[in-house]
Amino acid sequence: MWKAFAILSGVGIYLAAFMLICLYLGGLVDEVFELDGKGRLIGILIGLPGAFYSIYRQLKHNGYI
């Protein structure tokens, strides 16, 4: 049970960190190009699938999937 908890909490932290980085970069793009919030939306649209793919690849590589 503890092993599953450790794996899932690590996945959650990884997902949050990946999304925060993409949101931050989207905010920078938003400021530079003055997109009125569309830069953060772009960060979300790029970050969410990227995070899920990266987590899937990491779990598959470690043999959990």
N, C-alpha and C. Protein backbone atom coordinates (compact mmCIF):
# COMPACT_ATOMS: atom_id res chain seq x y z
N MET A 1 0.81 -1.19 0.00
CA MET A 1 0.00 0.00 0.00
C MET A 1 0.86 1.26 0.00
N TRP A 2 1.94 1.26 0.78
CA TRP A 2 2.79 2.44 0.85
C TRP A 2 3.52 2.70 -0.46
N LYS A 3 3.85 1.62 -1.15
CA LYS A 3 4.52 1.77 -2.44
C LYS A 3 3.60 2.47 -3.45
N ALA A 4 2.33 2.07 -3.48
CA ALA A 4 1.37 2.71 -4.38
C ALA A 4 1.17 4.17 -4.01
N PHE A 5 1.10 4.45 -2.71
CA PHE A 5 0.95 5.83 -2.25
C PHE A 5 2.15 6.67 -2.67
N ALA A 6 3.35 6.12 -2.53
CA ALA A 6 4.57 6.85 -2.90
C ALA A 6 4.60 7.12 -4.40
N ILE A 7 4.21 6.13 -5.20
CA ILE A 7 4.21 6.30 -6.66
C ILE A 7 3.20 7.35 -7.07
N LEU A 8 1.98 7.26 -6.53
CA LEU A 8 0.93 8.20 -6.93
C LEU A 8 1.20 9.61 -6.44
N SER A 9 1.79 9.76 -5.25
CA SER A 9 2.11 11.11 -4.79
C SER A 9 3.23 11.71 -5.62
N GLY A 10 4.18 10.89 -6.05
CA GLY A 10 5.24 11.37 -6.93
C GLY A 10 4.68 11.81 -8.27
N VAL A 11 3.72 11.06 -8.79
CA VAL A 11 3.08 11.41 -10.06
C VAL A 11 2.33 12.73 -9.92
N GLY A 12 1.64 12.91 -8.80
CA GLY A 12 0.91 14.16 -8.58
C GLY A 12 1.82 15.37 -8.48
N ILE A 13 2.91 15.22 -7.77
CA ILE A 13 3.87 16.32 -7.65
C ILE A 13 4.49 16.63 -9.00
N TYR A 14 4.82 15.60 -9.76
CA TYR A 14 5.39 15.79 -11.10
C TYR A 14 4.41 16.52 -12.01
N LEU A 15 3.14 16.11 -11.96
CA LEU A 15 2.11 16.75 -12.78
C LEU A 15 1.96 18.22 -12.41
N ALA A 16 1.93 18.51 -11.12
CA ALA A 16 1.78 19.90 -10.67
C ALA A 16 2.98 20.74 -11.09
N ALA A 17 4.18 20.21 -10.94
CA ALA A 17 5.38 20.96 -11.31
C ALA A 17 5.41 21.22 -12.82
N PHE A 18 5.09 20.22 -13.61
CA PHE A 18 5.08 20.36 -15.06
C PHE A 18 4.07 21.43 -15.49
N MET A 19 2.89 21.40 -14.88
CA MET A 19 1.85 22.37 -15.23
C MET A 19 2.23 23.78 -14.79
N LEU A 20 2.85 23.92 -13.62
CA LEU A 20 3.26 25.24 -13.16
C LEU A 20 4.32 25.84 -14.08
N ILE A 21 5.24 25.01 -14.53
CA ILE A 21 6.26 25.49 -15.47
C ILE A 21 5.62 25.95 -16.77
N CYS A 22 4.67 25.16 -17.29
CA CYS A 22 4.00 25.54 -18.54
C CYS A 22 3.15 26.79 -18.36
N LEU A 23 2.50 26.93 -17.22
CA LEU A 23 1.72 28.14 -16.95
C LEU A 23 2.62 29.36 -16.84
N TYR A 24 3.76 29.20 -16.20
CA TYR A 24 4.71 30.31 -16.07
C TYR A 24 5.23 30.73 -17.45
N LEU A 25 5.62 29.75 -18.25
CA LEU A 25 6.10 30.08 -19.60
C LEU A 25 5.00 30.70 -20.45
N GLY A 26 3.76 30.21 -20.30
CA GLY A 26 2.64 30.81 -21.00
C GLY A 26 2.40 32.24 -20.56
N GLY A 27 2.59 32.51 -19.28
CA GLY A 27 2.47 33.88 -18.78
C GLY A 27 3.54 34.80 -19.36
N LEU A 28 4.74 34.26 -19.52
CA LEU A 28 5.81 35.06 -20.14
C LEU A 28 5.48 35.37 -21.59
N VAL A 29 4.98 34.37 -22.30
CA VAL A 29 4.57 34.59 -23.70
C VAL A 29 3.44 35.62 -23.75
N ASP A 30 2.54 35.52 -22.80
CA ASP A 30 1.42 36.45 -22.73
C ASP A 30 1.89 37.89 -22.53
N GLU A 31 2.89 38.08 -21.66
CA GLU A 31 3.41 39.42 -21.41
C GLU A 31 4.17 39.96 -22.62
N VAL A 32 4.97 39.12 -23.26
CA VAL A 32 5.79 39.58 -24.38
C VAL A 32 4.94 39.95 -25.58
N PHE A 33 3.96 39.11 -25.90
CA PHE A 33 3.17 39.33 -27.10
C PHE A 33 1.81 39.98 -26.83
N GLU A 34 1.54 40.30 -25.55
CA GLU A 34 0.29 40.96 -25.14
C GLU A 34 -0.94 40.25 -25.69
N LEU A 35 -1.12 39.01 -25.26
CA LEU A 35 -2.19 38.17 -25.78
C LEU A 35 -3.44 38.17 -24.91
N ASP A 36 -3.48 38.94 -23.83
CA ASP A 36 -4.66 39.05 -22.96
C ASP A 36 -5.09 37.70 -22.38
N GLY A 37 -4.17 36.94 -21.82
CA GLY A 37 -4.50 35.68 -21.17
C GLY A 37 -4.44 34.46 -22.07
N LYS A 38 -4.29 34.67 -23.35
CA LYS A 38 -4.25 33.52 -24.27
C LYS A 38 -2.94 32.76 -24.16
N GLY A 39 -1.89 33.41 -23.70
CA GLY A 39 -0.61 32.73 -23.51
C GLY A 39 -0.70 31.67 -22.43
N ARG A 40 -1.39 31.97 -21.35
CA ARG A 40 -1.57 30.97 -20.29
C ARG A 40 -2.44 29.82 -20.78
N LEU A 41 -3.44 30.12 -21.59
CA LEU A 41 -4.27 29.06 -22.16
C LEU A 41 -3.43 28.16 -23.05
N ILE A 42 -2.55 28.74 -23.82
CA ILE A 42 -1.64 27.96 -24.65
C ILE A 42 -0.74 27.09 -23.77
N GLY A 43 -0.27 27.66 -22.64
CA GLY A 43 0.54 26.89 -21.71
C GLY A 43 -0.20 25.69 -21.16
N ILE A 44 -1.49 25.87 -20.84
CA ILE A 44 -2.30 24.76 -20.35
C ILE A 44 -2.51 23.71 -21.44
N LEU A 45 -2.83 24.17 -22.64
CA LEU A 45 -3.10 23.24 -23.74
C LEU A 45 -1.87 22.45 -24.16
N ILE A 46 -0.70 23.02 -23.99
CA ILE A 46 0.53 22.30 -24.29
C ILE A 46 0.99 21.48 -23.09
N GLY A 47 0.83 22.04 -21.89
CA GLY A 47 1.34 21.40 -20.69
C GLY A 47 0.59 20.17 -20.26
N LEU A 48 -0.72 20.17 -20.34
CA LEU A 48 -1.50 19.04 -19.84
C LEU A 48 -1.24 17.76 -20.64
N PRO A 49 -1.35 17.79 -21.97
CA PRO A 49 -1.03 16.55 -22.70
C PRO A 49 0.44 16.16 -22.56
N GLY A 50 1.31 17.15 -22.50
CA GLY A 50 2.74 16.85 -22.33
C GLY A 50 3.02 16.19 -21.00
N ALA A 51 2.37 16.66 -19.96
CA ALA A 51 2.56 16.06 -18.63
C ALA A 51 2.03 14.64 -18.59
N PHE A 52 0.83 14.43 -19.13
CA PHE A 52 0.27 13.08 -19.11
C PHE A 52 1.11 12.11 -19.94
N TYR A 53 1.61 12.55 -21.08
CA TYR A 53 2.46 11.67 -21.90
C TYR A 53 3.76 11.35 -21.17
N SER A 54 4.34 12.35 -20.55
CA SER A 54 5.59 12.13 -19.83
C SER A 54 5.40 11.18 -18.65
N ILE A 55 4.29 11.34 -17.92
CA ILE A 55 4.00 10.44 -16.80
C ILE A 55 3.76 9.03 -17.32
N TYR A 56 3.00 8.88 -18.39
CA TYR A 56 2.75 7.57 -18.98
C TYR A 56 4.05 6.89 -19.38
N ARG A 57 4.92 7.64 -20.04
CA ARG A 57 6.19 7.09 -20.50
C ARG A 57 7.06 6.67 -19.31
N GLN A 58 7.06 7.49 -18.25
CA GLN A 58 7.85 7.18 -17.07
C GLN A 58 7.31 5.93 -16.35
N LEU A 59 6.00 5.84 -16.20
CA LEU A 59 5.41 4.66 -15.55
C LEU A 59 5.61 3.40 -16.38
N LYS A 60 5.53 3.52 -17.68
CA LYS A 60 5.72 2.36 -18.55
C LYS A 60 7.18 1.89 -18.50
N HIS A 61 8.10 2.83 -18.47
CA HIS A 61 9.52 2.50 -18.42
C HIS A 61 9.87 1.77 -17.12
N ASN A 62 9.23 2.16 -16.01
CA ASN A 62 9.51 1.55 -14.72
C ASN A 62 8.73 0.26 -14.49
N GLY A 63 7.87 -0.12 -15.42
CA GLY A 63 7.17 -1.37 -15.33
C GLY A 63 5.88 -1.34 -14.52
N TYR A 64 5.36 -0.17 -14.25
CA TYR A 64 4.11 -0.07 -13.49
C TYR A 64 2.88 -0.22 -14.38
N ILE A 65 3.06 -0.04 -15.67
CA ILE A 65 1.95 -0.18 -16.61
C ILE A 65 2.25 -1.35 -17.53
